[in-house]
Structures are given as structure tokens and as C-alpha cells.
Amino acid sequence: MSETNAADLTQSNSAALAAPGAITLNGKTLYLSPLTTADFAELRERLREMALASVQTPLQALAVDFEKLPAAMRAMAMNEAIAQASGSKKAEPTKEAIAALAGTLDGVRLSLFLSARKLHPGLTREMATEFVTEENKFAVIARQLEIEGVKPPEGDDPKAGGSAGS
């Protein structure tokens, strides 16, 4: 490798190291990097797993008023429940349910972990959990959006009574 190429690589490495953003939480500074495609896939899968906990089968959803339903609808619900129980069909959370979890405390903690783990190899999900609280989760979201190159719309701070908090 020529000296010119080595110098170019050093400059590229310096730029890459400068690119991550820092955030201080609970007195510790973490360096965050933009999420990769693989990180986003992992985030979506973990959020999907979290959302599965609240997915109901057709019978569970209809259980309260099951006897009041017409016989044909009860039969359809029973068939769907049997198909799901046999494994031929699985109840899945909606995209909206998965996306809604991204802004929850657990979702923000997971996102912080995925963003920080590359630059903090010893960081665990449990450790990341200690850094994000209800009080600072919006600051974490804002910093992560900034690192991703996304600016939140003006007045979109739920704590400040903006549009997201309405």
C-alpha cells in the first residue's frame, strides 16, 4: 500500500470515528453509531417478539361476546383458532403494533443497545437498560434520530406538549 493510500485510510478512519455521536446517561458517556440494516432487522425482530405477547387468537378476541355471535361467525372463529393451534397459521402482531413498541421504554433501551454496542463491545442489553429511563427516553430518541440524520419536526416533543404528545 502506498503512503498516499495509507494517509487516505487514516483520514477515512478518523472521519468514521468522529461520525458517531456521544450521549451522556447516568454519568457515563456512550458513543452511538447509526444503525445498520442488520441492526434494524434485529430491532424489528425483537420488537415483533415483544408484540407477540399481546396478540390474541380469534377465540381470545371474541371470548367475551362469543355466545352472542351468530353461529356462522362462531364457526369461522373456531376454524381460525384450530388452524392457529395446529401451527398451519400463526397469529402475528400488526406492523403498527410493532412500530408502536419502538417508542416504549423497552424499545428505546433496545435501540440504544444496538446503536452503542459496536463502540462498546462489553455493553450488554441489561447494562443498556440501566441507562434509559422514562425521564430521559425522549432525549435518547432525539439523539439517535440526530445520529441517523433525521431531524424531528418542530414541536414534536411529547414532554413539551408538542404534537406527538397530543
Protein backbone atom coordinates (compact mmCIF):
# COMPACT_ATOMS: atom_id res chain seq x y z
CA MET A 1 0.00 0.00 0.00
CA SER A 2 1.38 3.41 -0.91
CA GLU A 3 1.84 6.18 1.63
CA THR A 4 -0.86 8.20 -0.11
CA ASN A 5 -3.37 5.35 0.27
CA ALA A 6 -2.36 4.89 3.92
CA ALA A 7 -2.92 8.60 4.55
CA ASP A 8 -6.32 8.43 2.84
CA LEU A 9 -7.28 5.45 5.00
CA THR A 10 -6.17 7.25 8.15
CA GLN A 11 -8.31 10.25 7.20
CA SER A 12 -11.25 7.94 6.42
CA ASN A 13 -10.84 6.15 9.75
CA SER A 14 -10.66 9.47 11.59
CA ALA A 15 -13.83 10.64 9.86
CA ALA A 16 -15.59 7.36 10.68
CA LEU A 17 -14.56 7.55 14.34
CA ALA A 18 -15.75 11.14 14.54
CA ALA A 19 -19.11 10.26 12.96
CA PRO A 20 -20.67 8.52 15.98
CA GLY A 21 -22.45 10.76 18.42
CA ALA A 22 -21.97 10.84 22.11
CA ILE A 23 -24.67 10.83 24.75
CA THR A 24 -24.18 11.00 28.50
CA LEU A 25 -26.62 8.96 30.55
CA ASN A 26 -26.37 8.38 34.30
CA GLY A 27 -22.91 9.96 34.30
CA LYS A 28 -21.50 7.66 31.61
CA THR A 29 -20.76 8.76 28.07
CA LEU A 30 -21.81 6.32 25.39
CA TYR A 31 -20.80 6.65 21.76
CA LEU A 32 -23.58 5.80 19.36
CA SER A 33 -23.29 4.88 15.72
CA PRO A 34 -26.03 4.85 13.09
CA LEU A 35 -27.99 1.63 12.96
CA THR A 36 -27.11 -0.71 10.10
CA THR A 37 -29.58 -2.69 8.04
CA ALA A 38 -28.78 -5.71 10.22
CA ASP A 39 -29.41 -3.64 13.37
CA PHE A 40 -32.79 -2.51 12.03
CA ALA A 41 -33.67 -6.12 11.21
CA GLU A 42 -32.72 -7.20 14.73
CA LEU A 43 -34.64 -4.28 16.26
CA ARG A 44 -37.74 -5.20 14.25
CA GLU A 45 -37.48 -8.88 15.19
CA ARG A 46 -37.08 -8.14 18.92
CA LEU A 47 -39.98 -5.65 18.82
CA ARG A 48 -42.05 -8.28 16.97
CA GLU A 49 -41.29 -10.78 19.74
CA MET A 50 -42.38 -8.22 22.32
CA ALA A 51 -45.59 -7.52 20.38
CA LEU A 52 -46.41 -11.23 20.11
CA ALA A 53 -47.10 -11.26 23.84
CA SER A 54 -50.24 -9.19 23.29
CA VAL A 55 -51.51 -10.95 20.16
CA GLN A 56 -54.78 -12.74 20.70
CA THR A 57 -56.23 -15.70 18.86
CA PRO A 58 -59.66 -15.14 17.29
CA LEU A 59 -61.24 -17.04 20.19
CA GLN A 60 -59.49 -14.90 22.78
CA ALA A 61 -60.57 -11.74 21.00
CA LEU A 62 -64.18 -12.91 20.82
CA ALA A 63 -64.37 -14.74 24.16
CA VAL A 64 -66.35 -12.04 25.96
CA ASP A 65 -69.18 -11.96 23.43
CA PHE A 66 -68.70 -15.38 21.86
CA GLU A 67 -72.16 -16.70 22.72
CA LYS A 68 -73.81 -13.55 21.34
CA LEU A 69 -72.24 -14.04 17.89
CA PRO A 70 -74.11 -15.65 15.01
CA ALA A 71 -73.39 -19.36 14.62
CA ALA A 72 -71.58 -18.82 11.28
CA MET A 73 -69.17 -16.30 12.86
CA ARG A 74 -68.54 -18.61 15.83
CA ALA A 75 -67.72 -21.42 13.40
CA MET A 76 -65.29 -19.16 11.47
CA ALA A 77 -63.57 -18.14 14.72
CA MET A 78 -63.31 -21.77 15.82
CA ASN A 79 -61.82 -22.81 12.46
CA GLU A 80 -59.28 -19.97 12.61
CA ALA A 81 -58.32 -20.86 16.20
CA ILE A 82 -57.87 -24.52 15.26
CA ALA A 83 -55.70 -23.55 12.28
CA GLN A 84 -53.53 -21.38 14.51
CA ALA A 85 -53.28 -24.01 17.24
CA SER A 86 -52.24 -26.67 14.72
CA GLY A 87 -49.43 -24.46 13.50
CA SER A 88 -50.74 -24.00 9.98
CA LYS A 89 -51.42 -20.35 10.76
CA LYS A 90 -49.81 -18.11 13.34
CA ALA A 91 -51.24 -15.03 14.93
CA GLU A 92 -48.88 -12.15 14.18
CA PRO A 93 -48.75 -8.61 15.53
CA THR A 94 -49.61 -5.82 13.13
CA LYS A 95 -46.93 -3.52 11.73
CA GLU A 96 -48.49 -0.73 13.75
CA ALA A 97 -48.20 -2.72 16.98
CA ILE A 98 -44.54 -3.42 16.27
CA ALA A 99 -43.80 0.22 15.37
CA ALA A 100 -45.59 1.48 18.50
CA LEU A 101 -43.18 -0.51 20.68
CA ALA A 102 -40.17 1.36 19.26
CA GLY A 103 -41.07 4.40 21.36
CA THR A 104 -41.65 2.49 24.57
CA LEU A 105 -39.04 2.35 27.30
CA ASP A 106 -38.05 -1.20 26.30
CA GLY A 107 -37.91 -0.26 22.63
CA VAL A 108 -35.66 2.76 23.25
CA ARG A 109 -33.40 0.69 25.51
CA LEU A 110 -33.02 -1.93 22.78
CA SER A 111 -32.31 0.72 20.14
CA LEU A 112 -29.69 2.34 22.37
CA PHE A 113 -28.02 -1.04 22.88
CA LEU A 114 -27.91 -1.75 19.15
CA SER A 115 -26.51 1.72 18.45
CA ALA A 116 -23.84 1.61 21.18
CA ARG A 117 -22.67 -2.00 21.10
CA LYS A 118 -20.26 -1.57 18.17
CA LEU A 119 -18.25 1.06 20.02
CA HIS A 120 -18.71 -0.52 23.46
CA PRO A 121 -18.06 -4.27 22.93
CA GLY A 122 -18.59 -5.08 26.61
CA LEU A 123 -22.04 -3.48 26.70
CA THR A 124 -24.93 -5.87 27.32
CA ARG A 125 -28.65 -5.35 26.85
CA GLU A 126 -29.03 -5.45 30.62
CA MET A 127 -26.45 -2.67 31.03
CA ALA A 128 -28.18 -0.58 28.36
CA THR A 129 -31.42 -0.99 30.29
CA GLU A 130 -29.92 0.90 33.22
CA PHE A 131 -29.12 3.94 31.07
CA VAL A 132 -32.57 4.71 29.65
CA THR A 133 -35.33 5.90 31.98
CA GLU A 134 -38.78 7.37 31.42
CA GLU A 135 -37.24 10.76 32.21
CA ASN A 136 -34.54 10.61 29.51
CA LYS A 137 -36.03 8.35 26.83
CA PHE A 138 -37.12 11.29 24.63
CA ALA A 139 -33.60 12.75 24.80
CA VAL A 140 -32.22 9.35 23.77
CA ILE A 141 -34.68 9.14 20.86
CA ALA A 142 -33.78 12.67 19.74
CA ARG A 143 -30.05 11.94 19.88
CA GLN A 144 -30.45 8.71 17.95
CA LEU A 145 -32.52 10.47 15.29
CA GLU A 146 -29.82 13.13 15.04
CA ILE A 147 -27.15 10.45 14.57
CA GLU A 148 -29.30 8.83 11.87
CA GLY A 149 -29.52 12.21 10.14
CA VAL A 150 -33.22 12.70 10.89
CA LYS A 151 -34.47 15.88 12.49
CA PRO A 152 -37.67 15.57 14.48
CA PRO A 153 -40.38 18.03 13.43
CA GLU A 154 -40.62 21.24 15.43
CA GLY A 155 -42.87 20.92 18.45
CA ASP A 156 -42.77 17.12 18.37
CA ASP A 157 -41.60 16.69 21.97
CA PRO A 158 -44.32 14.92 23.95
CA LYS A 159 -42.86 16.23 27.22
CA ALA A 160 -43.13 19.80 25.92
CA GLY A 161 -46.78 19.33 24.92
CA GLY A 162 -45.99 19.24 21.19
CA SER A 163 -47.93 17.40 18.54
CA ALA A 164 -46.58 13.97 19.48
CA GLY A 165 -47.92 14.35 22.99
CA SER A 166 -51.41 15.30 21.86
